[in-house]
Amino acid sequence: MTLTIGELSRRTGVKPTTIRWYEQEGLLPSPARSDGGHRVYAADHLRRLGFIRHARELGFAMPAIRTLLGLAGRPREDCAAIHGLATAQIAEVDSRLRRLEALRAELVEMAGSCRGGEAKDCRILETLADFEHGHCHHHAVPMALD
């Protein structure tokens, strides 16, 4: 099986620019080249890129994906490190969920304070303007989610 970068992109849902970046970062091996100099990908590239994409969908950071790829290349190795990475990712997801729940609670409280009327008297706008209010449900809520 041989694939062009466009075919590889369509089959995995990964943009060609990202595929090239993965190659530059060493996450995806450099493909062979055609006589015309075009990249020619094989089934191994498809599987590896699918692995990377799925790991990204699950929220794994690039260093963890690099480690997972290395461990996947050593099938006889103990999977304790793999389990550790997965449980660390679960903890990260749980942390994000707590932050989202805190954001939701504050939004619900803010929206519940709205009684209608003119914008100049709007409790939602007043609350948003009071960014040092100190009544967030979770003081560690970041300014923006990752």
N, C-alpha and C. Protein backbone atom coordinates (compact mmCIF):
# COMPACT_ATOMS: atom_id res chain seq x y z
N MET A 1 0.85 -1.17 0.00
CA MET A 1 0.00 0.00 0.00
C MET A 1 0.89 1.24 0.00
N THR A 2 0.60 2.15 -0.87
CA THR A 2 1.27 3.45 -0.87
C THR A 2 0.22 4.54 -0.90
N LEU A 3 0.51 5.61 -0.17
CA LEU A 3 -0.43 6.72 -0.04
C LEU A 3 0.29 8.03 -0.27
N THR A 4 -0.40 8.96 -0.89
CA THR A 4 0.12 10.32 -0.96
C THR A 4 -0.20 11.01 0.36
N ILE A 5 0.36 12.17 0.58
CA ILE A 5 0.05 12.89 1.82
C ILE A 5 -1.44 13.27 1.87
N GLY A 6 -2.02 13.58 0.71
CA GLY A 6 -3.45 13.90 0.66
C GLY A 6 -4.31 12.71 1.03
N GLU A 7 -3.95 11.53 0.53
CA GLU A 7 -4.70 10.32 0.86
C GLU A 7 -4.55 9.98 2.34
N LEU A 8 -3.32 10.11 2.85
CA LEU A 8 -3.08 9.85 4.26
C LEU A 8 -3.90 10.82 5.12
N SER A 9 -3.95 12.06 4.71
CA SER A 9 -4.72 13.08 5.41
C SER A 9 -6.20 12.72 5.42
N ARG A 10 -6.74 12.36 4.28
CA ARG A 10 -8.17 12.02 4.19
C ARG A 10 -8.50 10.79 5.04
N ARG A 11 -7.62 9.81 5.06
CA ARG A 11 -7.91 8.57 5.78
C ARG A 11 -7.78 8.72 7.29
N THR A 12 -7.00 9.68 7.73
CA THR A 12 -6.79 9.84 9.17
C THR A 12 -7.46 11.07 9.75
N GLY A 13 -7.83 12.02 8.89
CA GLY A 13 -8.41 13.27 9.38
C GLY A 13 -7.35 14.23 9.91
N VAL A 14 -6.09 13.99 9.60
CA VAL A 14 -4.99 14.85 10.04
C VAL A 14 -4.56 15.71 8.85
N LYS A 15 -4.44 17.01 9.07
CA LYS A 15 -4.07 17.93 8.00
C LYS A 15 -2.65 17.65 7.50
N PRO A 16 -2.40 17.85 6.21
CA PRO A 16 -1.05 17.64 5.67
C PRO A 16 0.03 18.44 6.41
N THR A 17 -0.28 19.67 6.80
CA THR A 17 0.72 20.46 7.53
C THR A 17 1.07 19.80 8.87
N THR A 18 0.09 19.21 9.51
CA THR A 18 0.32 18.52 10.79
C THR A 18 1.12 17.25 10.55
N ILE A 19 0.82 16.54 9.47
CA ILE A 19 1.59 15.34 9.13
C ILE A 19 3.06 15.70 8.95
N ARG A 20 3.33 16.76 8.21
CA ARG A 20 4.72 17.19 8.00
C ARG A 20 5.37 17.60 9.32
N TRP A 21 4.59 18.25 10.19
CA TRP A 21 5.13 18.64 11.49
C TRP A 21 5.49 17.41 12.32
N TYR A 22 4.61 16.37 12.32
CA TYR A 22 4.91 15.13 13.02
C TYR A 22 6.19 14.50 12.49
N GLU A 23 6.40 14.59 11.19
CA GLU A 23 7.65 14.08 10.60
C GLU A 23 8.84 14.87 11.13
N GLN A 24 8.73 16.19 11.13
CA GLN A 24 9.83 17.04 11.61
C GLN A 24 10.15 16.76 13.07
N GLU A 25 9.13 16.47 13.86
CA GLU A 25 9.30 16.21 15.29
C GLU A 25 9.75 14.77 15.57
N GLY A 26 9.80 13.94 14.54
CA GLY A 26 10.24 12.56 14.72
C GLY A 26 9.17 11.62 15.23
N LEU A 27 7.93 12.08 15.26
CA LEU A 27 6.83 11.22 15.70
C LEU A 27 6.38 10.29 14.58
N LEU A 28 6.58 10.72 13.37
CA LEU A 28 6.22 9.94 12.19
C LEU A 28 7.49 9.80 11.36
N PRO A 29 7.87 8.58 11.02
CA PRO A 29 9.09 8.41 10.23
C PRO A 29 8.99 9.11 8.88
N SER A 30 10.11 9.57 8.40
CA SER A 30 10.12 10.20 7.08
C SER A 30 9.72 9.16 6.05
N PRO A 31 8.84 9.54 5.14
CA PRO A 31 8.40 8.59 4.11
C PRO A 31 9.41 8.50 2.98
N ALA A 32 9.24 7.48 2.18
CA ALA A 32 10.03 7.37 0.95
C ALA A 32 9.59 8.49 0.02
N ARG A 33 10.37 8.71 -1.02
CA ARG A 33 10.04 9.74 -2.01
C ARG A 33 9.86 9.08 -3.37
N SER A 34 8.92 9.63 -4.11
CA SER A 34 8.72 9.16 -5.48
C SER A 34 9.83 9.73 -6.36
N ASP A 35 9.88 9.29 -7.61
CA ASP A 35 10.87 9.82 -8.56
C ASP A 35 10.71 11.33 -8.71
N GLY A 36 9.50 11.81 -8.54
CA GLY A 36 9.23 13.24 -8.65
C GLY A 36 9.46 13.99 -7.34
N GLY A 37 9.89 13.29 -6.29
CA GLY A 37 10.18 13.93 -5.01
C GLY A 37 9.01 14.03 -4.06
N HIS A 38 7.87 13.46 -4.41
CA HIS A 38 6.69 13.51 -3.54
C HIS A 38 6.79 12.45 -2.45
N ARG A 39 6.24 12.78 -1.30
CA ARG A 39 6.22 11.82 -0.20
C ARG A 39 5.33 10.63 -0.57
N VAL A 40 5.79 9.43 -0.22
CA VAL A 40 5.04 8.21 -0.46
C VAL A 40 4.95 7.47 0.88
N TYR A 41 3.74 7.39 1.41
CA TYR A 41 3.52 6.80 2.73
C TYR A 41 3.09 5.35 2.59
N ALA A 42 3.35 4.57 3.64
CA ALA A 42 3.02 3.15 3.67
C ALA A 42 1.98 2.88 4.76
N ALA A 43 1.57 1.63 4.86
CA ALA A 43 0.58 1.22 5.86
C ALA A 43 1.05 1.52 7.27
N ASP A 44 2.36 1.40 7.55
CA ASP A 44 2.88 1.71 8.88
C ASP A 44 2.65 3.17 9.24
N HIS A 45 2.80 4.05 8.26
CA HIS A 45 2.54 5.47 8.50
C HIS A 45 1.07 5.69 8.86
N LEU A 46 0.20 5.00 8.14
CA LEU A 46 -1.24 5.13 8.40
C LEU A 46 -1.57 4.69 9.82
N ARG A 47 -1.04 3.53 10.24
CA ARG A 47 -1.31 3.03 11.59
C ARG A 47 -0.74 3.97 12.66
N ARG A 48 0.48 4.41 12.46
CA ARG A 48 1.13 5.28 13.45
C ARG A 48 0.41 6.63 13.54
N LEU A 49 0.04 7.19 12.40
CA LEU A 49 -0.67 8.47 12.41
C LEU A 49 -2.04 8.31 13.05
N GLY A 50 -2.70 7.20 12.80
CA GLY A 50 -3.99 6.93 13.46
C GLY A 50 -3.83 6.84 14.97
N PHE A 51 -2.76 6.21 15.41
CA PHE A 51 -2.44 6.11 16.84
C PHE A 51 -2.26 7.51 17.43
N ILE A 52 -1.46 8.33 16.76
CA ILE A 52 -1.20 9.69 17.24
C ILE A 52 -2.50 10.49 17.31
N ARG A 53 -3.29 10.43 16.25
CA ARG A 53 -4.55 11.18 16.22
C ARG A 53 -5.49 10.74 17.35
N HIS A 54 -5.58 9.43 17.57
CA HIS A 54 -6.47 8.94 18.62
C HIS A 54 -5.96 9.38 20.00
N ALA A 55 -4.65 9.32 20.20
CA ALA A 55 -4.08 9.77 21.48
C ALA A 55 -4.35 11.26 21.68
N ARG A 56 -4.25 12.05 20.63
CA ARG A 56 -4.54 13.49 20.73
C ARG A 56 -6.02 13.71 21.06
N GLU A 57 -6.91 12.92 20.45
CA GLU A 57 -8.34 13.04 20.74
C GLU A 57 -8.63 12.75 22.21
N LEU A 58 -7.84 11.87 22.81
CA LEU A 58 -8.00 11.54 24.22
C LEU A 58 -7.31 12.54 25.13
N GLY A 59 -6.69 13.55 24.52
CA GLY A 59 -6.10 14.63 25.29
C GLY A 59 -4.66 14.46 25.71
N PHE A 60 -4.01 13.40 25.27
CA PHE A 60 -2.62 13.20 25.65
C PHE A 60 -1.76 14.32 25.06
N ALA A 61 -0.83 14.80 25.85
CA ALA A 61 0.12 15.82 25.39
C ALA A 61 1.18 15.14 24.51
N MET A 62 1.86 15.95 23.72
CA MET A 62 2.84 15.40 22.79
C MET A 62 3.96 14.61 23.49
N PRO A 63 4.50 15.06 24.62
CA PRO A 63 5.53 14.25 25.27
C PRO A 63 5.01 12.86 25.67
N ALA A 64 3.78 12.78 26.14
CA ALA A 64 3.20 11.50 26.51
C ALA A 64 3.01 10.63 25.27
N ILE A 65 2.59 11.24 24.16
CA ILE A 65 2.41 10.48 22.92
C ILE A 65 3.75 9.95 22.44
N ARG A 66 4.78 10.76 22.54
CA ARG A 66 6.12 10.31 22.16
C ARG A 66 6.52 9.08 22.98
N THR A 67 6.26 9.15 24.29
CA THR A 67 6.58 8.02 25.17
C THR A 67 5.75 6.80 24.81
N LEU A 68 4.45 7.00 24.58
CA LEU A 68 3.58 5.88 24.21
C LEU A 68 4.03 5.23 22.91
N LEU A 69 4.42 6.04 21.94
CA LEU A 69 4.91 5.48 20.68
C LEU A 69 6.17 4.65 20.91
N GLY A 70 7.06 5.16 21.75
CA GLY A 70 8.27 4.40 22.07
C GLY A 70 7.95 3.08 22.74
N LEU A 71 7.01 3.10 23.66
CA LEU A 71 6.62 1.87 24.36
C LEU A 71 5.90 0.90 23.42
N ALA A 72 5.11 1.45 22.50
CA ALA A 72 4.41 0.59 21.53
C ALA A 72 5.41 -0.13 20.64
N GLY A 73 6.58 0.47 20.45
CA GLY A 73 7.63 -0.15 19.63
C GLY A 73 8.42 -1.21 20.37
N ARG A 74 8.12 -1.38 21.66
CA ARG A 74 8.79 -2.41 22.47
C ARG A 74 7.72 -3.31 23.09
N PRO A 75 7.11 -4.18 22.30
CA PRO A 75 5.94 -4.95 22.73
C PRO A 75 6.18 -5.89 23.92
N ARG A 76 7.41 -6.26 24.22
CA ARG A 76 7.67 -7.18 25.32
C ARG A 76 7.90 -6.45 26.65
N GLU A 77 7.89 -5.12 26.61
CA GLU A 77 8.14 -4.35 27.82
C GLU A 77 6.91 -4.33 28.73
N ASP A 78 7.16 -4.22 30.02
CA ASP A 78 6.09 -4.13 31.02
C ASP A 78 5.24 -2.90 30.71
N CYS A 79 3.93 -3.02 30.83
CA CYS A 79 3.04 -1.92 30.47
C CYS A 79 2.74 -0.98 31.64
N ALA A 80 3.50 -1.07 32.74
CA ALA A 80 3.26 -0.21 33.90
C ALA A 80 3.38 1.27 33.53
N ALA A 81 4.35 1.62 32.70
CA ALA A 81 4.52 3.02 32.30
C ALA A 81 3.33 3.49 31.47
N ILE A 82 2.81 2.61 30.64
CA ILE A 82 1.64 2.95 29.81
C ILE A 82 0.44 3.19 30.72
N HIS A 83 0.25 2.32 31.69
CA HIS A 83 -0.84 2.47 32.65
C HIS A 83 -0.69 3.79 33.41
N GLY A 84 0.53 4.12 33.79
CA GLY A 84 0.79 5.38 34.50
C GLY A 84 0.41 6.59 33.67
N LEU A 85 0.74 6.56 32.39
CA LEU A 85 0.37 7.68 31.51
C LEU A 85 -1.14 7.78 31.37
N ALA A 86 -1.81 6.64 31.25
CA ALA A 86 -3.28 6.66 31.11
C ALA A 86 -3.94 7.17 32.39
N THR A 87 -3.46 6.74 33.55
CA THR A 87 -4.08 7.22 34.79
C THR A 87 -3.77 8.70 35.03
N ALA A 88 -2.60 9.16 34.61
CA ALA A 88 -2.30 10.60 34.71
C ALA A 88 -3.24 11.39 33.81
N GLN A 89 -3.58 10.85 32.64
CA GLN A 89 -4.49 11.53 31.73
C GLN A 89 -5.90 11.55 32.31
N ILE A 90 -6.28 10.50 32.98
CA ILE A 90 -7.59 10.48 33.66
C ILE A 90 -7.64 11.59 34.70
N ALA A 91 -6.57 11.75 35.47
CA ALA A 91 -6.52 12.82 36.48
C ALA A 91 -6.62 14.19 35.83
N GLU A 92 -5.98 14.37 34.69
CA GLU A 92 -6.05 15.65 33.97
C GLU A 92 -7.48 15.91 33.49
N VAL A 93 -8.14 14.90 32.96
CA VAL A 93 -9.53 15.04 32.52
C VAL A 93 -10.43 15.38 33.71
N ASP A 94 -10.22 14.70 34.83
CA ASP A 94 -11.00 15.00 36.04
C ASP A 94 -10.80 16.45 36.48
N SER A 95 -9.57 16.93 36.41
CA SER A 95 -9.28 18.32 36.78
C SER A 95 -10.00 19.29 35.85
N ARG A 96 -9.96 19.01 34.57
CA ARG A 96 -10.68 19.87 33.61
C ARG A 96 -12.17 19.86 33.87
N LEU A 97 -12.72 18.68 34.19
CA LEU A 97 -14.15 18.59 34.48
C LEU A 97 -14.51 19.44 35.70
N ARG A 98 -13.66 19.40 36.75
CA ARG A 98 -13.93 20.22 37.93
C ARG A 98 -13.92 21.70 37.57
N ARG A 99 -12.96 22.12 36.74
CA ARG A 99 -12.90 23.53 36.34
C ARG A 99 -14.14 23.90 35.53
N LEU A 100 -14.55 23.03 34.63
CA LEU A 100 -15.76 23.30 33.83
C LEU A 100 -17.00 23.35 34.71
N GLU A 101 -17.09 22.47 35.70
CA GLU A 101 -18.24 22.49 36.62
C GLU A 101 -18.27 23.80 37.41
N ALA A 102 -17.09 24.29 37.82
CA ALA A 102 -17.03 25.56 38.54
C ALA A 102 -17.46 26.72 37.63
N LEU A 103 -17.01 26.69 36.38
CA LEU A 103 -17.41 27.72 35.43
C LEU A 103 -18.92 27.68 35.20
N ARG A 104 -19.45 26.47 35.05
CA ARG A 104 -20.89 26.34 34.82
C ARG A 104 -21.68 26.87 36.01
N ALA A 105 -21.24 26.54 37.22
CA ALA A 105 -21.96 27.00 38.42
C ALA A 105 -21.97 28.52 38.49
N GLU A 106 -20.85 29.14 38.16
CA GLU A 106 -20.81 30.60 38.20
C GLU A 106 -21.71 31.19 37.11
N LEU A 107 -21.71 30.59 35.94
CA LEU A 107 -22.59 31.08 34.87
C LEU A 107 -24.07 30.93 35.24
N VAL A 108 -24.42 29.81 35.84
CA VAL A 108 -25.81 29.59 36.27
C VAL A 108 -26.21 30.63 37.31
N GLU A 109 -25.32 30.87 38.28
CA GLU A 109 -25.61 31.87 39.30
C GLU A 109 -25.76 33.25 38.67
N MET A 110 -24.86 33.57 37.76
CA MET A 110 -24.89 34.88 37.11
C MET A 110 -26.17 35.04 36.28
N ALA A 111 -26.50 34.02 35.48
CA ALA A 111 -27.71 34.10 34.66
C ALA A 111 -28.97 34.13 35.52
N GLY A 112 -28.95 33.44 36.64
CA GLY A 112 -30.09 33.43 37.54
C GLY A 112 -30.34 34.77 38.21
N SER A 113 -29.31 35.62 38.23
CA SER A 113 -29.47 36.94 38.85
C SER A 113 -30.13 37.94 37.91
N CYS A 114 -30.30 37.55 36.66
CA CYS A 114 -30.88 38.47 35.66
C CYS A 114 -32.40 38.54 35.85
N ARG A 115 -32.88 39.75 35.97
CA ARG A 115 -34.32 39.95 36.14
C ARG A 115 -34.93 40.69 34.96
N GLY A 116 -34.15 40.85 33.90
CA GLY A 116 -34.65 41.59 32.75
C GLY A 116 -34.51 43.08 32.96
N GLY A 117 -34.93 43.84 32.01
CA GLY A 117 -34.84 45.29 32.12
C GLY A 117 -33.80 45.84 31.17
N GLU A 118 -33.28 47.00 31.52
CA GLU A 118 -32.32 47.68 30.66
C GLU A 118 -30.91 47.18 30.91
N ALA A 119 -30.07 47.26 29.88
CA ALA A 119 -28.69 46.80 29.98
C ALA A 119 -27.93 47.53 31.08
N LYS A 120 -28.26 48.81 31.29
CA LYS A 120 -27.54 49.59 32.32
C LYS A 120 -27.77 49.02 33.72
N ASP A 121 -28.83 48.25 33.90
CA ASP A 121 -29.16 47.65 35.20
C ASP A 121 -28.93 46.14 35.21
N CYS A 122 -28.28 45.63 34.19
CA CYS A 122 -28.13 44.17 34.04
C CYS A 122 -27.12 43.60 35.04
N ARG A 123 -27.59 42.65 35.85
CA ARG A 123 -26.73 42.00 36.86
C ARG A 123 -25.64 41.16 36.19
N ILE A 124 -25.91 40.61 35.02
CA ILE A 124 -24.89 39.81 34.32
C ILE A 124 -23.73 40.71 33.92
N LEU A 125 -24.04 41.85 33.31
CA LEU A 125 -22.98 42.78 32.91
C LEU A 125 -22.23 43.30 34.13
N GLU A 126 -22.97 43.57 35.19
CA GLU A 126 -22.34 44.06 36.43
C GLU A 126 -21.38 43.00 37.00
N THR A 127 -21.81 41.75 36.98
CA THR A 127 -20.98 40.66 37.49
C THR A 127 -19.72 40.48 36.63
N LEU A 128 -19.90 40.55 35.31
CA LEU A 128 -18.75 40.40 34.42
C LEU A 128 -17.75 41.53 34.60
N ALA A 129 -18.24 42.73 34.85
CA ALA A 129 -17.36 43.88 35.04
C ALA A 129 -16.59 43.78 36.36
N ASP A 130 -17.12 43.06 37.33
CA ASP A 130 -16.49 42.91 38.64
C ASP A 130 -15.59 41.68 38.63
N PHE A 131 -14.48 41.74 37.88
CA PHE A 131 -13.63 40.58 37.73
C PHE A 131 -12.81 40.25 38.97
N GLU A 132 -12.77 41.16 39.94
CA GLU A 132 -12.07 40.89 41.20
C GLU A 132 -13.07 40.58 42.31
N HIS A 133 -14.22 40.09 41.93
CA HIS A 133 -15.34 39.89 42.84
C HIS A 133 -15.07 38.92 43.98
N GLY A 134 -14.26 37.91 43.76
CA GLY A 134 -13.96 36.96 44.82
C GLY A 134 -15.08 36.01 45.17
N HIS A 135 -16.13 35.95 44.38
CA HIS A 135 -17.21 35.01 44.70
C HIS A 135 -17.33 33.89 43.68
N CYS A 136 -16.25 33.61 42.97
CA CYS A 136 -16.23 32.43 42.10
C CYS A 136 -16.37 31.20 42.99
N HIS A 137 -16.97 30.19 42.44
CA HIS A 137 -17.08 28.93 43.19
C HIS A 137 -15.73 28.26 43.30
N HIS A 138 -14.83 28.56 42.41
CA HIS A 138 -13.53 27.91 42.37
C HIS A 138 -12.50 28.97 42.01
N HIS A 139 -11.72 29.41 42.97
CA HIS A 139 -10.77 30.50 42.76
C HIS A 139 -9.64 30.13 41.81
N ALA A 140 -9.46 28.85 41.54
CA ALA A 140 -8.40 28.43 40.63
C ALA A 140 -8.88 28.33 39.19
N VAL A 141 -10.05 28.88 38.92
CA VAL A 141 -10.57 28.86 37.55
C VAL A 141 -9.66 29.73 36.70
N PRO A 142 -9.07 29.15 35.64
CA PRO A 142 -8.17 29.93 34.81
C PRO A 142 -8.92 30.95 33.96
N MET A 143 -8.21 31.94 33.47
CA MET A 143 -8.81 32.95 32.60
C MET A 143 -9.33 32.31 31.32
N ALA A 144 -8.66 31.29 30.84
CA ALA A 144 -9.10 30.56 29.64
C ALA A 144 -8.72 29.11 29.80
N LEU A 145 -9.57 28.23 29.32
CA LEU A 145 -9.27 26.80 29.37
C LEU A 145 -8.28 26.45 28.28
N ASP A 146 -7.46 25.47 28.56
CA ASP A 146 -6.46 25.00 27.58
C ASP A 146 -7.14 24.44 26.37
